[in-house]
Amino acid sequence: MPVVRLAGLTQLMGNLPRMLLDRATIAGRPGWELHTPLIDVAFWQQESTEAVAAGAVSQATLGQLLATIK
């Protein structure tokens, strides 16, 4: 599952109700996660870049990927 960088992610995700998002720490930085039965998404600020990891994977699989990001 590749990590994709997407400009304006915070603005896009800001349109979602916060009750749908879980706070997370990703690569030592604050971020958000969205878990649904079909897709899991995580997004965070990586220095001056906003980053997102997403896929039709389980929450555990996404967590394993996020644990490898430095």
PDB file of N, CA and C in Angstrom:
ATOM      1  N   MET A   1       0.857  -1.165   0.000  1.00  0.00           N
ATOM      2  CA  MET A   1       0.000   0.000   0.000  1.00  0.00           C
ATOM      3  C   MET A   1       0.908   1.234   0.000  1.00  0.00           C
ATOM      4  N   PRO A   2       0.899   2.036  -1.059  1.00  0.00           N
ATOM      5  CA  PRO A   2       1.776   3.198  -1.121  1.00  0.00           C
ATOM      6  C   PRO A   2       1.294   4.336  -0.244  1.00  0.00           C
ATOM      7  N   VAL A   3       2.212   5.166   0.182  1.00  0.00           N
ATOM      8  CA  VAL A   3       1.881   6.393   0.886  1.00  0.00           C
ATOM      9  C   VAL A   3       1.826   7.484  -0.169  1.00  0.00           C
ATOM     10  N   VAL A   4       0.717   8.193  -0.241  1.00  0.00           N
ATOM     11  CA  VAL A   4       0.502   9.212  -1.256  1.00  0.00           C
ATOM     12  C   VAL A   4       0.509  10.579  -0.597  1.00  0.00           C
ATOM     13  N   ARG A   5       1.134  11.535  -1.225  1.00  0.00           N
ATOM     14  CA  ARG A   5       1.114  12.900  -0.708  1.00  0.00           C
ATOM     15  C   ARG A   5       0.074  13.690  -1.494  1.00  0.00           C
ATOM     16  N   LEU A   6      -0.778  14.418  -0.778  1.00  0.00           N
ATOM     17  CA  LEU A   6      -1.897  15.110  -1.396  1.00  0.00           C
ATOM     18  C   LEU A   6      -1.995  16.520  -0.845  1.00  0.00           C
ATOM     19  N   ALA A   7      -1.808  17.514  -1.695  1.00  0.00           N
ATOM     20  CA  ALA A   7      -1.907  18.908  -1.267  1.00  0.00           C
ATOM     21  C   ALA A   7      -3.347  19.223  -0.872  1.00  0.00           C
ATOM     22  N   GLY A   8      -3.524  20.004   0.178  1.00  0.00           N
ATOM     23  CA  GLY A   8      -4.857  20.425   0.601  1.00  0.00           C
ATOM     24  C   GLY A   8      -5.648  19.363   1.336  1.00  0.00           C
ATOM     25  N   LEU A   9      -4.978  18.332   1.805  1.00  0.00           N
ATOM     26  CA  LEU A   9      -5.680  17.232   2.467  1.00  0.00           C
ATOM     27  C   LEU A   9      -6.435  17.710   3.698  1.00  0.00           C
ATOM     28  N   THR A  10      -5.815  18.550   4.487  1.00  0.00           N
ATOM     29  CA  THR A  10      -6.466  19.036   5.700  1.00  0.00           C
ATOM     30  C   THR A  10      -7.775  19.725   5.352  1.00  0.00           C
ATOM     31  N   GLN A  11      -7.767  20.504   4.295  1.00  0.00           N
ATOM     32  CA  GLN A  11      -8.983  21.191   3.880  1.00  0.00           C
ATOM     33  C   GLN A  11     -10.047  20.191   3.435  1.00  0.00           C
ATOM     34  N   LEU A  12      -9.641  19.193   2.649  1.00  0.00           N
ATOM     35  CA  LEU A  12     -10.598  18.182   2.189  1.00  0.00           C
ATOM     36  C   LEU A  12     -11.182  17.396   3.354  1.00  0.00           C
ATOM     37  N   MET A  13     -10.324  16.939   4.249  1.00  0.00           N
ATOM     38  CA  MET A  13     -10.785  16.135   5.367  1.00  0.00           C
ATOM     39  C   MET A  13     -11.540  16.990   6.383  1.00  0.00           C
ATOM     40  N   GLY A  14     -11.270  18.289   6.381  1.00  0.00           N
ATOM     41  CA  GLY A  14     -11.973  19.196   7.281  1.00  0.00           C
ATOM     42  C   GLY A  14     -13.469  19.252   7.008  1.00  0.00           C
ATOM     43  N   ASN A  15     -13.881  18.810   5.833  1.00  0.00           N
ATOM     44  CA  ASN A  15     -15.299  18.786   5.505  1.00  0.00           C
ATOM     45  C   ASN A  15     -16.024  17.617   6.166  1.00  0.00           C
ATOM     46  N   LEU A  16     -15.278  16.655   6.678  1.00  0.00           N
ATOM     47  CA  LEU A  16     -15.900  15.518   7.356  1.00  0.00           C
ATOM     48  C   LEU A  16     -16.228  15.885   8.796  1.00  0.00           C
ATOM     49  N   PRO A  17     -17.330  15.394   9.311  1.00  0.00           N
ATOM     50  CA  PRO A  17     -17.612  15.617  10.734  1.00  0.00           C
ATOM     51  C   PRO A  17     -16.531  14.961  11.586  1.00  0.00           C
ATOM     52  N   ARG A  18     -16.013  15.660  12.578  1.00  0.00           N
ATOM     53  CA  ARG A  18     -14.931  15.155  13.425  1.00  0.00           C
ATOM     54  C   ARG A  18     -15.332  13.880  14.159  1.00  0.00           C
ATOM     55  N   MET A  19     -16.610  13.642  14.343  1.00  0.00           N
ATOM     56  CA  MET A  19     -17.016  12.423  15.040  1.00  0.00           C
ATOM     57  C   MET A  19     -16.708  11.175  14.219  1.00  0.00           C
ATOM     58  N   LEU A  20     -16.459  11.338  12.914  1.00  0.00           N
ATOM     59  CA  LEU A  20     -16.107  10.195  12.067  1.00  0.00           C
ATOM     60  C   LEU A  20     -14.619   9.875  12.121  1.00  0.00           C
ATOM     61  N   LEU A  21     -13.823  10.798  12.647  1.00  0.00           N
ATOM     62  CA  LEU A  21     -12.370  10.656  12.637  1.00  0.00           C
ATOM     63  C   LEU A  21     -11.839  10.328  14.019  1.00  0.00           C
ATOM     64  N   ASP A  22     -10.801   9.505  14.058  1.00  0.00           N
ATOM     65  CA  ASP A  22     -10.103   9.197  15.311  1.00  0.00           C
ATOM     66  C   ASP A  22      -8.764   9.900  15.297  1.00  0.00           C
ATOM     67  N   ARG A  23      -8.411  10.523  16.411  1.00  0.00           N
ATOM     68  CA  ARG A  23      -7.076  11.119  16.531  1.00  0.00           C
ATOM     69  C   ARG A  23      -6.048   9.992  16.567  1.00  0.00           C
ATOM     70  N   ALA A  24      -4.881  10.252  15.985  1.00  0.00           N
ATOM     71  CA  ALA A  24      -3.827   9.242  15.943  1.00  0.00           C
ATOM     72  C   ALA A  24      -2.471   9.933  15.992  1.00  0.00           C
ATOM     73  N   THR A  25      -1.452   9.194  16.393  1.00  0.00           N
ATOM     74  CA  THR A  25      -0.077   9.661  16.300  1.00  0.00           C
ATOM     75  C   THR A  25       0.589   8.826  15.222  1.00  0.00           C
ATOM     76  N   ILE A  26       1.076   9.501  14.186  1.00  0.00           N
ATOM     77  CA  ILE A  26       1.675   8.831  13.034  1.00  0.00           C
ATOM     78  C   ILE A  26       3.058   9.407  12.819  1.00  0.00           C
ATOM     79  N   ALA A  27       4.067   8.561  12.844  1.00  0.00           N
ATOM     80  CA  ALA A  27       5.456   8.994  12.703  1.00  0.00           C
ATOM     81  C   ALA A  27       5.778  10.076  13.730  1.00  0.00           C
ATOM     82  N   GLY A  28       5.216   9.929  14.934  1.00  0.00           N
ATOM     83  CA  GLY A  28       5.478  10.869  16.014  1.00  0.00           C
ATOM     84  C   GLY A  28       4.755  12.196  15.875  1.00  0.00           C
ATOM     85  N   ARG A  29       3.847  12.289  14.930  1.00  0.00           N
ATOM     86  CA  ARG A  29       3.120  13.533  14.689  1.00  0.00           C
ATOM     87  C   ARG A  29       1.621  13.301  14.856  1.00  0.00           C
ATOM     88  N   PRO A  30       0.884  14.339  15.229  1.00  0.00           N
ATOM     89  CA  PRO A  30      -0.562  14.165  15.344  1.00  0.00           C
ATOM     90  C   PRO A  30      -1.203  13.976  13.976  1.00  0.00           C
ATOM     91  N   GLY A  31      -2.216  13.149  13.934  1.00  0.00           N
ATOM     92  CA  GLY A  31      -2.931  12.908  12.691  1.00  0.00           C
ATOM     93  C   GLY A  31      -4.332  12.419  12.977  1.00  0.00           C
ATOM     94  N   TRP A  32      -5.002  11.976  11.928  1.00  0.00           N
ATOM     95  CA  TRP A  32      -6.381  11.497  12.027  1.00  0.00           C
ATOM     96  C   TRP A  32      -6.506  10.201  11.256  1.00  0.00           C
ATOM     97  N   GLU A  33      -7.423   9.360  11.693  1.00  0.00           N
ATOM     98  CA  GLU A  33      -7.733   8.127  10.979  1.00  0.00           C
ATOM     99  C   GLU A  33      -9.241   8.039  10.775  1.00  0.00           C
ATOM    100  N   LEU A  34      -9.618   7.459   9.642  1.00  0.00           N
ATOM    101  CA  LEU A  34     -11.010   7.193   9.325  1.00  0.00           C
ATOM    102  C   LEU A  34     -11.111   5.711   8.996  1.00  0.00           C
ATOM    103  N   HIS A  35     -11.983   5.002   9.714  1.00  0.00           N
ATOM    104  CA  HIS A  35     -12.147   3.566   9.505  1.00  0.00           C
ATOM    105  C   HIS A  35     -13.590   3.293   9.093  1.00  0.00           C
ATOM    106  N   THR A  36     -13.745   2.593   7.991  1.00  0.00           N
ATOM    107  CA  THR A  36     -15.069   2.183   7.535  1.00  0.00           C
ATOM    108  C   THR A  36     -14.999   0.697   7.179  1.00  0.00           C
ATOM    109  N   PRO A  37     -16.119   0.065   6.942  1.00  0.00           N
ATOM    110  CA  PRO A  37     -16.077  -1.343   6.529  1.00  0.00           C
ATOM    111  C   PRO A  37     -15.379  -1.560   5.188  1.00  0.00           C
ATOM    112  N   LEU A  38     -15.302  -0.516   4.352  1.00  0.00           N
ATOM    113  CA  LEU A  38     -14.720  -0.678   3.020  1.00  0.00           C
ATOM    114  C   LEU A  38     -13.311  -0.117   2.874  1.00  0.00           C
ATOM    115  N   ILE A  39     -12.972   0.902   3.638  1.00  0.00           N
ATOM    116  CA  ILE A  39     -11.681   1.566   3.458  1.00  0.00           C
ATOM    117  C   ILE A  39     -11.194   2.141   4.778  1.00  0.00           C
ATOM    118  N   ASP A  40      -9.887   2.186   4.914  1.00  0.00           N
ATOM    119  CA  ASP A  40      -9.260   2.835   6.064  1.00  0.00           C
ATOM    120  C   ASP A  40      -8.317   3.906   5.531  1.00  0.00           C
ATOM    121  N   VAL A  41      -8.333   5.075   6.180  1.00  0.00           N
ATOM    122  CA  VAL A  41      -7.540   6.218   5.740  1.00  0.00           C
ATOM    123  C   VAL A  41      -6.857   6.833   6.960  1.00  0.00           C
ATOM    124  N   ALA A  42      -5.606   7.220   6.789  1.00  0.00           N
ATOM    125  CA  ALA A  42      -4.886   7.966   7.814  1.00  0.00           C
ATOM    126  C   ALA A  42      -4.256   9.170   7.143  1.00  0.00           C
ATOM    127  N   PHE A  43      -4.260  10.311   7.820  1.00  0.00           N
ATOM    128  CA  PHE A  43      -3.595  11.484   7.267  1.00  0.00           C
ATOM    129  C   PHE A  43      -2.928  12.271   8.380  1.00  0.00           C
ATOM    130  N   TRP A  44      -1.812  12.916   8.019  1.00  0.00           N
ATOM    131  CA  TRP A  44      -0.994  13.632   8.980  1.00  0.00           C
ATOM    132  C   TRP A  44      -0.094  14.611   8.235  1.00  0.00           C
ATOM    133  N   GLN A  45       0.525  15.502   9.009  1.00  0.00           N
ATOM    134  CA  GLN A  45       1.472  16.475   8.471  1.00  0.00           C
ATOM    135  C   GLN A  45       2.872  15.882   8.592  1.00  0.00           C
ATOM    136  N   GLN A  46       3.585  15.793   7.489  1.00  0.00           N
ATOM    137  CA  GLN A  46       4.962  15.275   7.465  1.00  0.00           C
ATOM    138  C   GLN A  46       5.847  16.451   7.047  1.00  0.00           C
ATOM    139  N   GLU A  47       6.423  17.132   8.040  1.00  0.00           N
ATOM    140  CA  GLU A  47       7.164  18.377   7.821  1.00  0.00           C
ATOM    141  C   GLU A  47       6.229  19.379   7.154  1.00  0.00           C
ATOM    142  N   SER A  48       6.534  19.873   5.959  1.00  0.00           N
ATOM    143  CA  SER A  48       5.652  20.858   5.321  1.00  0.00           C
ATOM    144  C   SER A  48       4.678  20.204   4.346  1.00  0.00           C
ATOM    145  N   THR A  49       4.613  18.883   4.339  1.00  0.00           N
ATOM    146  CA  THR A  49       3.766  18.148   3.405  1.00  0.00           C
ATOM    147  C   THR A  49       2.667  17.415   4.161  1.00  0.00           C
ATOM    148  N   GLU A  50       1.467  17.442   3.606  1.00  0.00           N
ATOM    149  CA  GLU A  50       0.392  16.641   4.159  1.00  0.00           C
ATOM    150  C   GLU A  50       0.459  15.262   3.512  1.00  0.00           C
ATOM    151  N   ALA A  51       0.323  14.204   4.310  1.00  0.00           N
ATOM    152  CA  ALA A  51       0.448  12.845   3.794  1.00  0.00           C
ATOM    153  C   ALA A  51      -0.807  12.049   4.127  1.00  0.00           C
ATOM    154  N   VAL A  52      -1.092  11.070   3.278  1.00  0.00           N
ATOM    155  CA  VAL A  52      -2.240  10.195   3.496  1.00  0.00           C
ATOM    156  C   VAL A  52      -1.855   8.768   3.121  1.00  0.00           C
ATOM    157  N   ALA A  53      -2.353   7.824   3.889  1.00  0.00           N
ATOM    158  CA  ALA A  53      -2.235   6.405   3.557  1.00  0.00           C
ATOM    159  C   ALA A  53      -3.660   5.865   3.568  1.00  0.00           C
ATOM    160  N   ALA A  54      -4.040   5.190   2.502  1.00  0.00           N
ATOM    161  CA  ALA A  54      -5.414   4.706   2.408  1.00  0.00           C
ATOM    162  C   ALA A  54      -5.451   3.395   1.644  1.00  0.00           C
ATOM    163  N   GLY A  55      -6.446   2.602   1.933  1.00  0.00           N
ATOM    164  CA  GLY A  55      -6.606   1.365   1.190  1.00  0.00           C
ATOM    165  C   GLY A  55      -7.818   0.592   1.661  1.00  0.00           C
ATOM    166  N   ALA A  56      -8.201  -0.355   0.851  1.00  0.00           N
ATOM    167  CA  ALA A  56      -9.288  -1.269   1.208  1.00  0.00           C
ATOM    168  C   ALA A  56      -8.674  -2.390   2.026  1.00  0.00           C
ATOM    169  N   VAL A  57      -8.215  -2.025   3.214  1.00  0.00           N
ATOM    170  CA  VAL A  57      -7.510  -2.937   4.110  1.00  0.00           C
ATOM    171  C   VAL A  57      -8.107  -2.820   5.508  1.00  0.00           C
ATOM    172  N   SER A  58      -7.738  -3.736   6.361  1.00  0.00           N
ATOM    173  CA  SER A  58      -8.226  -3.691   7.741  1.00  0.00           C
ATOM    174  C   SER A  58      -7.500  -2.600   8.517  1.00  0.00           C
ATOM    175  N   GLN A  59      -8.092  -2.224   9.630  1.00  0.00           N
ATOM    176  CA  GLN A  59      -7.478  -1.230  10.505  1.00  0.00           C
ATOM    177  C   GLN A  59      -6.123  -1.737  10.994  1.00  0.00           C
ATOM    178  N   ALA A  60      -6.009  -3.024  11.263  1.00  0.00           N
ATOM    179  CA  ALA A  60      -4.736  -3.608  11.718  1.00  0.00           C
ATOM    180  C   ALA A  60      -3.664  -3.498  10.646  1.00  0.00           C
ATOM    181  N   THR A  61      -4.021  -3.761   9.391  1.00  0.00           N
ATOM    182  CA  THR A  61      -3.052  -3.675   8.298  1.00  0.00           C
ATOM    183  C   THR A  61      -2.585  -2.240   8.111  1.00  0.00           C
ATOM    184  N   LEU A  62      -3.513  -1.288   8.170  1.00  0.00           N
ATOM    185  CA  LEU A  62      -3.132   0.117   8.053  1.00  0.00           C
ATOM    186  C   LEU A  62      -2.216   0.489   9.215  1.00  0.00           C
ATOM    187  N   GLY A  63      -2.531   0.010  10.410  1.00  0.00           N
ATOM    188  CA  GLY A  63      -1.685   0.286  11.575  1.00  0.00           C
ATOM    189  C   GLY A  63      -0.281  -0.250  11.412  1.00  0.00           C
ATOM    190  N   GLN A  64      -0.145  -1.426  10.816  1.00  0.00           N
ATOM    191  CA  GLN A  64       1.192  -2.004  10.561  1.00  0.00           C
ATOM    192  C   GLN A  64       1.980  -1.117   9.600  1.00  0.00           C
ATOM    193  N   LEU A  65       1.331  -0.624   8.558  1.00  0.00           N
ATOM    194  CA  LEU A  65       2.000   0.269   7.625  1.00  0.00           C
ATOM    195  C   LEU A  65       2.436   1.551   8.317  1.00  0.00           C
ATOM    196  N   LEU A  66       1.536   2.143   9.088  1.00  0.00           N
ATOM    197  CA  LEU A  66       1.841   3.406   9.751  1.00  0.00           C
ATOM    198  C   LEU A  66       2.987   3.260  10.741  1.00  0.00           C
ATOM    199  N   ALA A  67       3.114   2.093  11.348  1.00  0.00           N
ATOM    200  CA  ALA A  67       4.202   1.857  12.296  1.00  0.00           C
ATOM    201  C   ALA A  67       5.571   1.883  11.621  1.00  0.00           C
ATOM    202  N   THR A  68       5.619   1.680  10.314  1.00  0.00           N
ATOM    203  CA  THR A  68       6.894   1.672   9.600  1.00  0.00           C
ATOM    204  C   THR A  68       7.323   3.045   9.104  1.00  0.00           C
ATOM    205  N   ILE A  69       6.430   4.025   9.182  1.00  0.00           N
ATOM    206  CA  ILE A  69       6.733   5.365   8.663  1.00  0.00           C
ATOM    207  C   ILE A  69       7.551   6.128   9.689  1.00  0.00           C
ATOM    208  N   LYS A  70       8.608   6.716   9.219  1.00  0.00           N
ATOM    209  CA  LYS A  70       9.503   7.479  10.107  1.00  0.00           C
ATOM    210  C   LYS A  70       9.372   8.954   9.853  1.00  0.00           C
TER     211      LYS A  70
END
